[in-house]
N, C-alpha and C. Protein backbone atom coordinates (compact mmCIF):
# COMPACT_ATOMS: atom_id res chain seq x y z
N UNK A 1 27.86 2.18 -5.08
CA UNK A 1 28.49 2.24 -6.38
C UNK A 1 27.45 1.88 -7.44
N UNK A 2 27.42 2.65 -8.50
CA UNK A 2 26.50 2.40 -9.59
C UNK A 2 27.29 2.17 -10.87
N UNK A 3 27.15 0.97 -11.47
CA UNK A 3 27.71 0.73 -12.79
C UNK A 3 29.18 1.10 -12.86
N UNK A 4 29.92 0.79 -11.81
CA UNK A 4 31.34 1.13 -11.78
C UNK A 4 31.61 2.57 -11.37
N UNK A 5 30.58 3.31 -11.09
CA UNK A 5 30.73 4.71 -10.68
C UNK A 5 30.51 4.80 -9.19
N UNK A 6 31.34 5.55 -8.53
CA UNK A 6 31.09 5.84 -7.13
C UNK A 6 30.52 7.25 -7.05
N UNK A 7 30.01 7.60 -5.91
CA UNK A 7 29.45 8.94 -5.73
C UNK A 7 30.50 10.00 -6.04
N UNK A 8 31.73 9.76 -5.61
CA UNK A 8 32.79 10.74 -5.86
C UNK A 8 33.02 10.88 -7.36
N UNK A 9 33.00 9.76 -8.09
CA UNK A 9 33.18 9.83 -9.53
C UNK A 9 32.06 10.60 -10.21
N UNK A 10 30.83 10.39 -9.78
CA UNK A 10 29.69 11.10 -10.37
C UNK A 10 29.83 12.60 -10.10
N UNK A 11 30.13 12.94 -8.88
CA UNK A 11 30.27 14.35 -8.55
C UNK A 11 31.43 14.98 -9.30
N UNK A 12 32.52 14.25 -9.41
CA UNK A 12 33.67 14.77 -10.15
C UNK A 12 33.34 14.90 -11.63
N UNK A 13 32.62 13.91 -12.18
CA UNK A 13 32.20 13.97 -13.58
C UNK A 13 31.35 15.21 -13.83
N UNK A 14 30.40 15.47 -12.94
CA UNK A 14 29.53 16.64 -13.09
C UNK A 14 30.35 17.92 -13.05
N UNK A 15 31.24 18.01 -12.08
CA UNK A 15 32.07 19.22 -11.97
C UNK A 15 32.95 19.42 -13.20
N UNK A 16 33.61 18.36 -13.64
CA UNK A 16 34.53 18.48 -14.78
C UNK A 16 33.79 18.76 -16.08
N UNK A 17 32.65 18.10 -16.26
CA UNK A 17 31.88 18.32 -17.48
C UNK A 17 31.32 19.73 -17.54
N UNK A 18 30.80 20.21 -16.43
CA UNK A 18 30.29 21.59 -16.39
C UNK A 18 31.40 22.57 -16.70
N UNK A 19 32.57 22.31 -16.15
CA UNK A 19 33.72 23.17 -16.41
C UNK A 19 34.13 23.09 -17.89
N UNK A 20 34.15 21.90 -18.43
CA UNK A 20 34.58 21.68 -19.80
C UNK A 20 33.68 22.40 -20.81
N UNK A 21 32.37 22.37 -20.57
CA UNK A 21 31.45 23.02 -21.50
C UNK A 21 31.07 24.43 -21.06
N UNK A 22 31.80 24.91 -20.06
CA UNK A 22 31.59 26.27 -19.56
C UNK A 22 30.14 26.50 -19.12
N UNK A 23 29.63 25.54 -18.35
CA UNK A 23 28.27 25.60 -17.85
C UNK A 23 28.29 25.98 -16.38
N UNK A 24 27.82 27.17 -16.06
CA UNK A 24 27.78 27.53 -14.64
C UNK A 24 26.76 26.66 -13.90
N UNK A 25 27.19 26.08 -12.81
CA UNK A 25 26.32 25.22 -12.02
C UNK A 25 26.21 25.81 -10.62
N UNK A 26 25.05 26.36 -10.34
CA UNK A 26 24.84 26.96 -9.02
C UNK A 26 24.96 25.89 -7.94
N UNK A 27 25.65 26.21 -6.85
CA UNK A 27 25.81 25.24 -5.76
C UNK A 27 24.47 24.70 -5.24
N UNK A 28 23.43 25.51 -5.29
CA UNK A 28 22.13 25.04 -4.80
C UNK A 28 21.50 24.01 -5.75
N UNK A 29 21.90 23.99 -7.01
CA UNK A 29 21.35 23.04 -7.98
C UNK A 29 22.16 21.75 -8.07
N UNK A 30 23.39 21.79 -7.59
CA UNK A 30 24.30 20.64 -7.73
C UNK A 30 23.74 19.35 -7.12
N UNK A 31 23.16 19.38 -5.91
CA UNK A 31 22.61 18.12 -5.35
C UNK A 31 21.54 17.48 -6.24
N UNK A 32 20.71 18.30 -6.86
CA UNK A 32 19.69 17.77 -7.77
C UNK A 32 20.30 17.16 -9.02
N UNK A 33 21.36 17.78 -9.52
CA UNK A 33 22.06 17.24 -10.68
C UNK A 33 22.69 15.89 -10.33
N UNK A 34 23.28 15.81 -9.15
CA UNK A 34 23.88 14.55 -8.71
C UNK A 34 22.82 13.46 -8.61
N UNK A 35 21.67 13.76 -8.03
CA UNK A 35 20.59 12.78 -7.91
C UNK A 35 20.13 12.31 -9.29
N UNK A 36 20.00 13.24 -10.23
CA UNK A 36 19.58 12.86 -11.58
C UNK A 36 20.61 11.97 -12.26
N UNK A 37 21.89 12.27 -12.08
CA UNK A 37 22.92 11.42 -12.67
C UNK A 37 22.93 10.05 -12.02
N UNK A 38 22.65 9.96 -10.74
CA UNK A 38 22.54 8.65 -10.08
C UNK A 38 21.41 7.85 -10.72
N UNK A 39 20.31 8.51 -11.03
CA UNK A 39 19.18 7.83 -11.68
C UNK A 39 19.56 7.39 -13.09
N UNK A 40 20.25 8.25 -13.82
CA UNK A 40 20.69 7.92 -15.17
C UNK A 40 21.59 6.69 -15.14
N UNK A 41 22.52 6.66 -14.20
CA UNK A 41 23.44 5.52 -14.09
C UNK A 41 22.66 4.25 -13.77
N UNK A 42 21.69 4.32 -12.88
CA UNK A 42 20.89 3.15 -12.52
C UNK A 42 20.11 2.63 -13.72
N UNK A 43 19.54 3.53 -14.52
CA UNK A 43 18.79 3.13 -15.72
C UNK A 43 19.74 2.53 -16.75
N UNK A 44 20.88 3.15 -16.94
CA UNK A 44 21.86 2.63 -17.90
C UNK A 44 22.32 1.25 -17.49
N UNK A 45 22.45 1.02 -16.21
CA UNK A 45 22.88 -0.29 -15.72
C UNK A 45 21.85 -1.36 -16.08
N UNK A 46 20.56 -1.04 -15.97
CA UNK A 46 19.52 -1.99 -16.35
C UNK A 46 19.64 -2.36 -17.83
N UNK A 47 19.91 -1.37 -18.66
CA UNK A 47 20.02 -1.61 -20.10
C UNK A 47 21.26 -2.42 -20.43
N UNK A 48 22.39 -2.01 -19.90
CA UNK A 48 23.65 -2.67 -20.27
C UNK A 48 23.78 -4.07 -19.68
N UNK A 49 23.09 -4.36 -18.59
CA UNK A 49 23.16 -5.68 -17.98
C UNK A 49 22.05 -6.62 -18.45
N UNK A 50 21.18 -6.14 -19.33
CA UNK A 50 20.09 -6.98 -19.82
C UNK A 50 20.68 -8.07 -20.71
N UNK A 51 20.43 -9.33 -20.37
CA UNK A 51 21.03 -10.41 -21.15
C UNK A 51 20.37 -10.56 -22.52
N UNK A 52 21.20 -10.66 -23.53
CA UNK A 52 20.71 -10.89 -24.88
C UNK A 52 21.15 -12.28 -25.33
N UNK A 53 20.29 -12.97 -26.08
CA UNK A 53 20.68 -14.28 -26.57
C UNK A 53 21.83 -14.16 -27.58
N UNK A 54 22.65 -15.19 -27.71
CA UNK A 54 23.82 -15.13 -28.59
C UNK A 54 23.47 -14.89 -30.05
N UNK A 55 22.26 -15.29 -30.48
CA UNK A 55 21.91 -15.10 -31.88
C UNK A 55 21.56 -13.65 -32.25
N UNK A 56 21.44 -12.81 -31.26
CA UNK A 56 21.18 -11.39 -31.52
C UNK A 56 22.49 -10.72 -31.93
N UNK A 57 22.45 -10.04 -33.06
CA UNK A 57 23.63 -9.32 -33.53
C UNK A 57 23.35 -7.83 -33.54
N UNK A 58 24.37 -7.07 -33.28
CA UNK A 58 24.22 -5.62 -33.31
C UNK A 58 24.03 -5.17 -34.76
N UNK A 59 23.08 -4.29 -34.97
CA UNK A 59 22.85 -3.78 -36.31
C UNK A 59 23.88 -2.72 -36.64
N UNK A 60 24.54 -2.83 -37.80
CA UNK A 60 25.56 -1.82 -38.16
C UNK A 60 24.91 -0.47 -38.48
N UNK A 61 23.63 -0.49 -38.91
CA UNK A 61 22.94 0.73 -39.26
C UNK A 61 21.56 0.68 -38.63
N UNK A 62 21.17 1.79 -38.01
CA UNK A 62 19.83 1.86 -37.42
C UNK A 62 18.82 2.15 -38.51
N UNK A 63 17.82 1.28 -38.62
CA UNK A 63 16.74 1.49 -39.57
C UNK A 63 15.43 1.41 -38.82
N UNK A 64 14.75 2.55 -38.67
CA UNK A 64 13.48 2.53 -37.90
C UNK A 64 12.39 1.75 -38.60
């Protein structure tokens, strides 16, 4: 399980999203898409679980 996602959820998400945006997904490419989404979830987990000190506040507006 990654970040609350199970493999079934990732695969279902890929299938439903491709269907929703009318994106044809060749069966031969699907395993690679699943692997990439697993990597994305793992990276997102590192970011979302990174502890921030309490004095850090979210910026209402991004200013580079």
